[in-house]
Amino acid sequence: MKNNVRVERAIHRMTQAQLAERIGVSRQTINAIESGKYVPSTVLALKMSIVFNKPVNELFTLDDED
């Protein structure tokens, strides 16, 4: 799975810690999501879509191998 979380965070001038606080996770979780080491739950993906005002499918896309 690919994601645009880092890009959206930069557009909104938000740190990993700020995003983590807004959606109720640790900064390490945001780091793991951005680096592709962790696939967020549906709830976390929806919370990020609200924060960035973007549909989930604009934040996360499937790879060919998914």
C-alpha atoms as a PDB file:
ATOM      1  CA  MET A   1       0.000   0.000   0.000  1.00  0.00           C
ATOM      2  CA  LYS A   2       1.252   3.467  -0.884  1.00  0.00           C
ATOM      3  CA  ASN A   3       0.276   6.621   0.943  1.00  0.00           C
ATOM      4  CA  ASN A   4       0.498  10.394   0.635  1.00  0.00           C
ATOM      5  CA  VAL A   5       0.389  11.134   4.348  1.00  0.00           C
ATOM      6  CA  ARG A   6       3.838  12.767   4.434  1.00  0.00           C
ATOM      7  CA  VAL A   7       2.914  15.018   1.490  1.00  0.00           C
ATOM      8  CA  GLU A   8      -0.412  16.046   3.018  1.00  0.00           C
ATOM      9  CA  ARG A   9       1.268  16.695   6.356  1.00  0.00           C
ATOM     10  CA  ALA A  10       3.784  18.977   4.630  1.00  0.00           C
ATOM     11  CA  ILE A  11       1.022  20.826   2.767  1.00  0.00           C
ATOM     12  CA  HIS A  12      -0.727  21.440   6.083  1.00  0.00           C
ATOM     13  CA  ARG A  13       2.583  22.320   7.795  1.00  0.00           C
ATOM     14  CA  MET A  14       1.969  19.714  10.438  1.00  0.00           C
ATOM     15  CA  THR A  15       4.538  17.664  12.320  1.00  0.00           C
ATOM     16  CA  GLN A  16       4.196  13.941  12.894  1.00  0.00           C
ATOM     17  CA  ALA A  17       3.553  14.696  16.569  1.00  0.00           C
ATOM     18  CA  GLN A  18       0.763  17.159  15.726  1.00  0.00           C
ATOM     19  CA  LEU A  19      -0.966  14.691  13.410  1.00  0.00           C
ATOM     20  CA  ALA A  20      -0.555  11.913  15.965  1.00  0.00           C
ATOM     21  CA  GLU A  21      -2.175  14.039  18.664  1.00  0.00           C
ATOM     22  CA  ARG A  22      -5.107  14.973  16.402  1.00  0.00           C
ATOM     23  CA  ILE A  23      -5.939  11.361  15.594  1.00  0.00           C
ATOM     24  CA  GLY A  24      -5.007   9.803  18.946  1.00  0.00           C
ATOM     25  CA  VAL A  25      -1.910   7.744  18.150  1.00  0.00           C
ATOM     26  CA  SER A  26       1.822   8.008  18.843  1.00  0.00           C
ATOM     27  CA  ARG A  27       4.279   9.866  16.639  1.00  0.00           C
ATOM     28  CA  GLN A  28       5.955   6.520  16.017  1.00  0.00           C
ATOM     29  CA  THR A  29       2.708   5.214  14.515  1.00  0.00           C
ATOM     30  CA  ILE A  30       2.619   8.128  12.053  1.00  0.00           C
ATOM     31  CA  ASN A  31       6.245   7.460  11.174  1.00  0.00           C
ATOM     32  CA  ALA A  32       5.495   3.767  10.558  1.00  0.00           C
ATOM     33  CA  ILE A  33       2.482   4.628   8.375  1.00  0.00           C
ATOM     34  CA  GLU A  34       4.457   7.138   6.305  1.00  0.00           C
ATOM     35  CA  SER A  35       7.304   4.676   5.775  1.00  0.00           C
ATOM     36  CA  GLY A  36       4.914   1.902   4.728  1.00  0.00           C
ATOM     37  CA  LYS A  37       5.769  -0.341   7.673  1.00  0.00           C
ATOM     38  CA  TYR A  38       2.256  -0.165   9.136  1.00  0.00           C
ATOM     39  CA  VAL A  39      -1.132  -0.202   7.428  1.00  0.00           C
ATOM     40  CA  PRO A  40      -3.577   1.912   9.442  1.00  0.00           C
ATOM     41  CA  SER A  41      -6.960   0.666  10.524  1.00  0.00           C
ATOM     42  CA  THR A  42     -10.043   1.938   8.753  1.00  0.00           C
ATOM     43  CA  VAL A  43     -10.740   4.202  11.734  1.00  0.00           C
ATOM     44  CA  LEU A  44      -7.258   5.799  11.561  1.00  0.00           C
ATOM     45  CA  ALA A  45      -7.489   6.225   7.789  1.00  0.00           C
ATOM     46  CA  LEU A  46     -10.877   7.929   8.176  1.00  0.00           C
ATOM     47  CA  LYS A  47      -9.544  10.202  10.931  1.00  0.00           C
ATOM     48  CA  MET A  48      -6.651  11.251   8.652  1.00  0.00           C
ATOM     49  CA  SER A  49      -9.063  11.917   5.809  1.00  0.00           C
ATOM     50  CA  ILE A  50     -11.012  14.254   8.082  1.00  0.00           C
ATOM     51  CA  VAL A  51      -7.874  16.068   9.266  1.00  0.00           C
ATOM     52  CA  PHE A  52      -6.648  16.575   5.682  1.00  0.00           C
ATOM     53  CA  ASN A  53     -10.143  17.028   4.178  1.00  0.00           C
ATOM     54  CA  LYS A  54      -9.346  14.401   1.526  1.00  0.00           C
ATOM     55  CA  PRO A  55     -11.049  11.131   0.616  1.00  0.00           C
ATOM     56  CA  VAL A  56      -9.283   8.057   1.999  1.00  0.00           C
ATOM     57  CA  ASN A  57      -8.480   6.847  -1.527  1.00  0.00           C
ATOM     58  CA  GLU A  58      -6.501  10.048  -2.133  1.00  0.00           C
ATOM     59  CA  LEU A  59      -4.366   9.329   0.940  1.00  0.00           C
ATOM     60  CA  PHE A  60      -3.938   5.577   0.452  1.00  0.00           C
ATOM     61  CA  THR A  61      -3.664   3.519  -2.743  1.00  0.00           C
ATOM     62  CA  LEU A  62      -3.078  -0.166  -3.358  1.00  0.00           C
ATOM     63  CA  ASP A  63       0.119  -1.499  -4.933  1.00  0.00           C
ATOM     64  CA  ASP A  64      -0.022  -4.100  -7.689  1.00  0.00           C
ATOM     65  CA  GLU A  65       1.013  -6.722  -5.147  1.00  0.00           C
ATOM     66  CA  ASP A  66      -1.875  -5.785  -2.811  1.00  0.00           C
END
